[in-house]
């Protein structure tokens, strides 16, 4: 079983990357937060910690080998833990994990159902199941993840989860896609600009340069 792959990053697509390893180009599936990490790294050598699984169903005779990649072993460990929740398999976990592992682990540890339901494909019942299954298992992920940095290299101010949840919901109501909304909020969170309310966040999202 392959556990790590190193090669040239040929392409970064919405839900996967194409990694050149010797004469072979491999498809590696990635969650949204990993895509943001590597989106500007095309043409450079990149290493992915990978999980392999077979995609298919009992109603189909076609079984497809898949690889899911992460930048760190801790991210991969968390993904495997997340997949132990009832009715969450690799495909659903890939779709759901749009935020960094630390933020998801923090939300689980504080039993924040509302925050977890902002993850794609996660409803209230599933969020409650995630908390019931994982709340005593995520401490090391919440504590070990490196702090984000602002554009000037300084640690950002603490993020008010409620403010960002309200801003995220407002962006969705303005017909912004979930991926674009999360990307815009990431930019605000790491910009170092001050904010106190969801309105402040929205003003930063839409401010003119």
C-alpha atoms as a PDB file:
ATOM      1  CA  UNK A   1       0.000   0.000   0.000  1.00  0.00           C
ATOM      2  CA  UNK A   2       1.275   3.455  -0.913  1.00  0.00           C
ATOM      3  CA  UNK A   3       1.402   5.838   2.067  1.00  0.00           C
ATOM      4  CA  UNK A   4       3.304   8.802   0.604  1.00  0.00           C
ATOM      5  CA  UNK A   5       3.867  10.153  -2.912  1.00  0.00           C
ATOM      6  CA  UNK A   6       6.373  12.798  -4.019  1.00  0.00           C
ATOM      7  CA  UNK A   7       6.382  14.285  -7.487  1.00  0.00           C
ATOM      8  CA  UNK A   8       5.837  17.330  -9.669  1.00  0.00           C
ATOM      9  CA  UNK A   9       2.442  18.963  -9.293  1.00  0.00           C
ATOM     10  CA  UNK A  10       1.185  19.188 -12.875  1.00  0.00           C
ATOM     11  CA  UNK A  11      -2.323  20.508 -12.316  1.00  0.00           C
ATOM     12  CA  UNK A  12      -4.599  21.627  -9.480  1.00  0.00           C
ATOM     13  CA  UNK A  13      -8.294  21.068 -10.218  1.00  0.00           C
ATOM     14  CA  UNK A  14     -11.384  21.660  -8.083  1.00  0.00           C
ATOM     15  CA  UNK A  15     -11.341  18.313  -6.275  1.00  0.00           C
ATOM     16  CA  UNK A  16      -8.069  16.694  -7.320  1.00  0.00           C
ATOM     17  CA  UNK A  17      -4.476  17.224  -8.354  1.00  0.00           C
ATOM     18  CA  UNK A  18      -2.409  15.522 -11.033  1.00  0.00           C
ATOM     19  CA  UNK A  19       0.967  14.427  -9.681  1.00  0.00           C
ATOM     20  CA  UNK A  20       3.839  13.413 -11.984  1.00  0.00           C
ATOM     21  CA  UNK A  21       5.886  10.612 -10.430  1.00  0.00           C
ATOM     22  CA  UNK A  22       8.512   9.415 -12.875  1.00  0.00           C
ATOM     23  CA  UNK A  23       6.828   8.538 -16.198  1.00  0.00           C
ATOM     24  CA  UNK A  24       3.381   8.275 -14.554  1.00  0.00           C
ATOM     25  CA  UNK A  25       0.801  10.961 -13.790  1.00  0.00           C
ATOM     26  CA  UNK A  26      -1.458  10.094 -10.861  1.00  0.00           C
ATOM     27  CA  UNK A  27      -4.834  11.468  -9.860  1.00  0.00           C
ATOM     28  CA  UNK A  28      -4.887  12.363  -6.169  1.00  0.00           C
ATOM     29  CA  UNK A  29      -8.205  13.468  -4.670  1.00  0.00           C
ATOM     30  CA  UNK A  30      -7.989  16.339  -2.171  1.00  0.00           C
ATOM     31  CA  UNK A  31     -10.406  18.163   0.134  1.00  0.00           C
ATOM     32  CA  UNK A  32     -10.955  21.882  -0.330  1.00  0.00           C
ATOM     33  CA  UNK A  33      -8.589  23.000   2.449  1.00  0.00           C
ATOM     34  CA  UNK A  34      -5.717  21.072   0.830  1.00  0.00           C
ATOM     35  CA  UNK A  35      -6.551  22.576  -2.570  1.00  0.00           C
ATOM     36  CA  UNK A  36      -6.075  26.029  -1.069  1.00  0.00           C
ATOM     37  CA  UNK A  37      -2.702  24.965   0.352  1.00  0.00           C
ATOM     38  CA  UNK A  38      -1.325  23.817  -3.016  1.00  0.00           C
ATOM     39  CA  UNK A  39      -3.208  25.940  -5.559  1.00  0.00           C
ATOM     40  CA  UNK A  40      -0.158  28.132  -6.261  1.00  0.00           C
ATOM     41  CA  UNK A  41       2.375  25.277  -6.292  1.00  0.00           C
ATOM     42  CA  UNK A  42       1.909  23.924  -9.832  1.00  0.00           C
ATOM     43  CA  UNK A  43       5.235  23.009 -11.423  1.00  0.00           C
ATOM     44  CA  UNK A  44       6.981  22.370  -8.113  1.00  0.00           C
ATOM     45  CA  UNK A  45       7.806  19.166  -6.236  1.00  0.00           C
ATOM     46  CA  UNK A  46       5.145  18.299  -3.685  1.00  0.00           C
ATOM     47  CA  UNK A  47       4.716  15.405  -1.248  1.00  0.00           C
ATOM     48  CA  UNK A  48       1.334  13.993  -0.283  1.00  0.00           C
ATOM     49  CA  UNK A  49       0.499  11.595   2.528  1.00  0.00           C
ATOM     50  CA  UNK A  50      -2.064   9.348   0.893  1.00  0.00           C
ATOM     51  CA  UNK A  51      -4.917   7.045   1.753  1.00  0.00           C
ATOM     52  CA  UNK A  52      -5.987   4.423  -0.788  1.00  0.00           C
ATOM     53  CA  UNK A  53      -9.504   3.030  -1.099  1.00  0.00           C
ATOM     54  CA  UNK A  54     -11.659   1.276  -3.685  1.00  0.00           C
ATOM     55  CA  UNK A  55     -14.715   3.138  -4.962  1.00  0.00           C
ATOM     56  CA  UNK A  56     -17.693   1.120  -6.140  1.00  0.00           C
ATOM     57  CA  UNK A  57     -20.949  -0.463  -5.044  1.00  0.00           C
ATOM     58  CA  UNK A  58     -22.595  -3.851  -4.834  1.00  0.00           C
ATOM     59  CA  UNK A  59     -24.888  -2.825  -7.698  1.00  0.00           C
ATOM     60  CA  UNK A  60     -21.958  -2.095 -10.017  1.00  0.00           C
ATOM     61  CA  UNK A  61     -19.289  -4.379 -11.393  1.00  0.00           C
ATOM     62  CA  UNK A  62     -16.898  -1.436 -11.726  1.00  0.00           C
ATOM     63  CA  UNK A  63     -14.460  -0.850  -8.874  1.00  0.00           C
ATOM     64  CA  UNK A  64     -12.088   2.114  -9.118  1.00  0.00           C
ATOM     65  CA  UNK A  65      -8.925   2.558  -7.016  1.00  0.00           C
ATOM     66  CA  UNK A  66      -8.677   6.054  -5.511  1.00  0.00           C
ATOM     67  CA  UNK A  67      -5.996   7.989  -3.641  1.00  0.00           C
ATOM     68  CA  UNK A  68      -6.694  10.852  -1.251  1.00  0.00           C
ATOM     69  CA  UNK A  69      -3.818  13.217  -0.437  1.00  0.00           C
ATOM     70  CA  UNK A  70      -2.878  15.519   2.439  1.00  0.00           C
ATOM     71  CA  UNK A  71       0.075  17.782   3.150  1.00  0.00           C
ATOM     72  CA  UNK A  72       0.730  16.334   6.611  1.00  0.00           C
ATOM     73  CA  UNK A  73       0.380  12.966   8.288  1.00  0.00           C
ATOM     74  CA  UNK A  74      -1.753  14.552  11.029  1.00  0.00           C
ATOM     75  CA  UNK A  75      -4.294  15.729   8.431  1.00  0.00           C
ATOM     76  CA  UNK A  76      -4.471  12.202   7.033  1.00  0.00           C
ATOM     77  CA  UNK A  77      -4.904  10.750  10.539  1.00  0.00           C
ATOM     78  CA  UNK A  78      -7.774  13.146  11.214  1.00  0.00           C
ATOM     79  CA  UNK A  79      -9.443  12.248   7.903  1.00  0.00           C
ATOM     80  CA  UNK A  80      -9.301   8.552   8.773  1.00  0.00           C
ATOM     81  CA  UNK A  81     -10.774   9.319  12.203  1.00  0.00           C
ATOM     82  CA  UNK A  82     -13.526  11.431  10.626  1.00  0.00           C
ATOM     83  CA  UNK A  83     -14.445   8.494   8.385  1.00  0.00           C
ATOM     84  CA  UNK A  84     -15.153   6.320  11.452  1.00  0.00           C
ATOM     85  CA  UNK A  85     -18.354   8.297  12.070  1.00  0.00           C
ATOM     86  CA  UNK A  86     -21.412   6.283  11.066  1.00  0.00           C
ATOM     87  CA  UNK A  87     -22.518   6.928   7.460  1.00  0.00           C
ATOM     88  CA  UNK A  88     -19.471   9.110   6.660  1.00  0.00           C
ATOM     89  CA  UNK A  89     -17.244   7.454   4.093  1.00  0.00           C
ATOM     90  CA  UNK A  90     -14.294   8.855   2.135  1.00  0.00           C
ATOM     91  CA  UNK A  91     -16.443  10.617  -0.504  1.00  0.00           C
ATOM     92  CA  UNK A  92     -18.619  12.414   2.045  1.00  0.00           C
ATOM     93  CA  UNK A  93     -15.617  13.298   4.209  1.00  0.00           C
ATOM     94  CA  UNK A  94     -13.786  14.745   1.189  1.00  0.00           C
ATOM     95  CA  UNK A  95     -16.736  16.993   0.405  1.00  0.00           C
ATOM     96  CA  UNK A  96     -17.242  18.049   4.014  1.00  0.00           C
ATOM     97  CA  UNK A  97     -13.670  18.955   4.936  1.00  0.00           C
ATOM     98  CA  UNK A  98     -13.446  22.410   3.444  1.00  0.00           C
ATOM     99  CA  UNK A  99     -11.926  23.931   6.572  1.00  0.00           C
ATOM    100  CA  UNK A 100      -8.517  23.239   8.166  1.00  0.00           C
ATOM    101  CA  UNK A 101      -8.319  20.273  10.511  1.00  0.00           C
ATOM    102  CA  UNK A 102      -7.712  22.445  13.583  1.00  0.00           C
ATOM    103  CA  UNK A 103     -10.942  24.382  13.049  1.00  0.00           C
ATOM    104  CA  UNK A 104     -13.006  21.224  12.575  1.00  0.00           C
ATOM    105  CA  UNK A 105     -11.413  19.600  15.627  1.00  0.00           C
ATOM    106  CA  UNK A 106     -12.047  22.757  17.691  1.00  0.00           C
ATOM    107  CA  UNK A 107     -15.721  22.717  16.716  1.00  0.00           C
ATOM    108  CA  UNK A 108     -16.067  19.046  17.626  1.00  0.00           C
ATOM    109  CA  UNK A 109     -14.302  19.552  20.958  1.00  0.00           C
ATOM    110  CA  UNK A 110     -16.610  22.426  21.933  1.00  0.00           C
ATOM    111  CA  UNK A 111     -19.632  20.455  20.656  1.00  0.00           C
ATOM    112  CA  UNK A 112     -20.621  23.218  18.241  1.00  0.00           C
ATOM    113  CA  UNK A 113     -23.393  21.651  16.160  1.00  0.00           C
ATOM    114  CA  UNK A 114     -24.177  24.914  14.358  1.00  0.00           C
ATOM    115  CA  UNK A 115     -20.589  25.340  13.136  1.00  0.00           C
ATOM    116  CA  UNK A 116     -20.382  21.750  11.919  1.00  0.00           C
ATOM    117  CA  UNK A 117     -23.590  22.159   9.882  1.00  0.00           C
ATOM    118  CA  UNK A 118     -21.824  24.830   7.802  1.00  0.00           C
ATOM    119  CA  UNK A 119     -19.652  22.037   6.386  1.00  0.00           C
ATOM    120  CA  UNK A 120     -20.909  20.846   2.977  1.00  0.00           C
ATOM    121  CA  UNK A 121     -23.199  17.832   3.231  1.00  0.00           C
ATOM    122  CA  UNK A 122     -23.370  17.882   7.045  1.00  0.00           C
ATOM    123  CA  UNK A 123     -26.835  18.295   8.547  1.00  0.00           C
ATOM    124  CA  UNK A 124     -27.821  18.660  12.182  1.00  0.00           C
ATOM    125  CA  UNK A 125     -28.233  14.929  12.833  1.00  0.00           C
ATOM    126  CA  UNK A 126     -24.876  14.098  11.249  1.00  0.00           C
ATOM    127  CA  UNK A 127     -23.187  16.930  13.165  1.00  0.00           C
ATOM    128  CA  UNK A 128     -24.539  15.517  16.420  1.00  0.00           C
ATOM    129  CA  UNK A 129     -23.282  12.056  15.439  1.00  0.00           C
ATOM    130  CA  UNK A 130     -19.821  13.479  14.670  1.00  0.00           C
ATOM    131  CA  UNK A 131     -19.677  15.065  18.120  1.00  0.00           C
ATOM    132  CA  UNK A 132     -20.920  11.933  19.880  1.00  0.00           C
ATOM    133  CA  UNK A 133     -18.313   9.786  18.107  1.00  0.00           C
ATOM    134  CA  UNK A 134     -15.274  12.055  18.106  1.00  0.00           C
ATOM    135  CA  UNK A 135     -15.492  14.624  20.899  1.00  0.00           C
ATOM    136  CA  UNK A 136     -13.083  12.662  23.129  1.00  0.00           C
ATOM    137  CA  UNK A 137     -10.683  11.849  20.291  1.00  0.00           C
ATOM    138  CA  UNK A 138      -9.822  15.208  18.692  1.00  0.00           C
ATOM    139  CA  UNK A 139      -7.815  17.016  21.381  1.00  0.00           C
ATOM    140  CA  UNK A 140      -4.425  16.359  19.769  1.00  0.00           C
ATOM    141  CA  UNK A 141      -5.643  17.703  16.433  1.00  0.00           C
ATOM    142  CA  UNK A 142      -7.076  20.843  17.996  1.00  0.00           C
ATOM    143  CA  UNK A 143      -3.853  21.449  19.936  1.00  0.00           C
ATOM    144  CA  UNK A 144      -1.207  20.328  17.441  1.00  0.00           C
ATOM    145  CA  UNK A 145      -2.238  22.222  14.298  1.00  0.00           C
ATOM    146  CA  UNK A 146       0.029  25.187  13.566  1.00  0.00           C
ATOM    147  CA  UNK A 147      -1.407  28.650  13.988  1.00  0.00           C
ATOM    148  CA  UNK A 148      -2.393  30.464  10.844  1.00  0.00           C
ATOM    149  CA  UNK A 149      -0.373  33.529   9.869  1.00  0.00           C
ATOM    150  CA  UNK A 150      -1.478  36.818   8.433  1.00  0.00           C
ATOM    151  CA  UNK A 151      -0.059  38.271   5.232  1.00  0.00           C
ATOM    152  CA  UNK A 152       2.687  40.044   7.212  1.00  0.00           C
ATOM    153  CA  UNK A 153       3.724  36.823   8.941  1.00  0.00           C
ATOM    154  CA  UNK A 154       2.117  37.626  12.307  1.00  0.00           C
ATOM    155  CA  UNK A 155      -0.429  35.402  14.069  1.00  0.00           C
ATOM    156  CA  UNK A 156      -3.984  36.532  13.299  1.00  0.00           C
ATOM    157  CA  UNK A 157      -6.367  37.726  16.002  1.00  0.00           C
ATOM    158  CA  UNK A 158      -8.583  35.007  17.474  1.00  0.00           C
ATOM    159  CA  UNK A 159     -11.437  34.170  15.090  1.00  0.00           C
ATOM    160  CA  UNK A 160     -14.958  34.612  16.424  1.00  0.00           C
ATOM    161  CA  UNK A 161     -16.664  31.512  15.074  1.00  0.00           C
ATOM    162  CA  UNK A 162     -20.158  32.978  15.444  1.00  0.00           C
ATOM    163  CA  UNK A 163     -19.259  36.074  13.450  1.00  0.00           C
ATOM    164  CA  UNK A 164     -17.821  33.998  10.625  1.00  0.00           C
ATOM    165  CA  UNK A 165     -20.792  31.635  10.637  1.00  0.00           C
ATOM    166  CA  UNK A 166     -23.140  34.607  10.188  1.00  0.00           C
ATOM    167  CA  UNK A 167     -20.952  36.062   7.440  1.00  0.00           C
ATOM    168  CA  UNK A 168     -20.784  32.680   5.686  1.00  0.00           C
ATOM    169  CA  UNK A 169     -24.582  32.337   5.730  1.00  0.00           C
ATOM    170  CA  UNK A 170     -24.933  35.882   4.390  1.00  0.00           C
ATOM    171  CA  UNK A 171     -22.566  35.144   1.488  1.00  0.00           C
ATOM    172  CA  UNK A 172     -24.561  32.033   0.579  1.00  0.00           C
ATOM    173  CA  UNK A 173     -27.753  34.113   0.557  1.00  0.00           C
ATOM    174  CA  UNK A 174     -26.003  36.470  -1.884  1.00  0.00           C
ATOM    175  CA  UNK A 175     -25.680  33.468  -4.247  1.00  0.00           C
ATOM    176  CA  UNK A 176     -21.969  32.971  -3.630  1.00  0.00           C
ATOM    177  CA  UNK A 177     -20.876  29.335  -3.901  1.00  0.00           C
ATOM    178  CA  UNK A 178     -19.759  27.576  -0.682  1.00  0.00           C
ATOM    179  CA  UNK A 179     -16.206  27.224  -2.042  1.00  0.00           C
ATOM    180  CA  UNK A 180     -15.935  30.907  -2.983  1.00  0.00           C
ATOM    181  CA  UNK A 181     -17.486  31.987   0.329  1.00  0.00           C
ATOM    182  CA  UNK A 182     -14.977  29.938   2.331  1.00  0.00           C
ATOM    183  CA  UNK A 183     -12.104  31.254   0.229  1.00  0.00           C
ATOM    184  CA  UNK A 184     -13.170  34.875   0.798  1.00  0.00           C
ATOM    185  CA  UNK A 185     -13.508  34.307   4.540  1.00  0.00           C
ATOM    186  CA  UNK A 186     -10.052  32.696   4.621  1.00  0.00           C
ATOM    187  CA  UNK A 187      -8.642  35.857   3.047  1.00  0.00           C
ATOM    188  CA  UNK A 188     -10.278  38.014   5.708  1.00  0.00           C
ATOM    189  CA  UNK A 189      -9.134  35.732   8.535  1.00  0.00           C
ATOM    190  CA  UNK A 190      -5.493  35.909   7.427  1.00  0.00           C
ATOM    191  CA  UNK A 191      -5.467  39.554   6.337  1.00  0.00           C
ATOM    192  CA  UNK A 192      -4.837  40.947   9.814  1.00  0.00           C
ATOM    193  CA  UNK A 193      -7.637  43.487   9.310  1.00  0.00           C
ATOM    194  CA  UNK A 194      -9.775  44.164  12.415  1.00  0.00           C
ATOM    195  CA  UNK A 195     -13.398  43.028  12.565  1.00  0.00           C
ATOM    196  CA  UNK A 196     -15.994  42.621  15.298  1.00  0.00           C
ATOM    197  CA  UNK A 197     -19.252  41.838  13.545  1.00  0.00           C
ATOM    198  CA  UNK A 198     -20.442  39.876  10.517  1.00  0.00           C
ATOM    199  CA  UNK A 199     -21.064  43.223   8.808  1.00  0.00           C
ATOM    200  CA  UNK A 200     -17.393  44.132   9.327  1.00  0.00           C
ATOM    201  CA  UNK A 201     -16.376  40.826   7.726  1.00  0.00           C
ATOM    202  CA  UNK A 202     -18.677  41.394   4.739  1.00  0.00           C
ATOM    203  CA  UNK A 203     -17.271  44.890   4.274  1.00  0.00           C
ATOM    204  CA  UNK A 204     -13.771  43.382   4.131  1.00  0.00           C
ATOM    205  CA  UNK A 205     -14.915  40.694   1.692  1.00  0.00           C
ATOM    206  CA  UNK A 206     -16.364  43.249  -0.712  1.00  0.00           C
ATOM    207  CA  UNK A 207     -14.057  46.182  -0.104  1.00  0.00           C
ATOM    208  CA  UNK A 208     -12.560  47.793  -3.171  1.00  0.00           C
ATOM    209  CA  UNK A 209      -8.787  47.687  -3.501  1.00  0.00           C
END
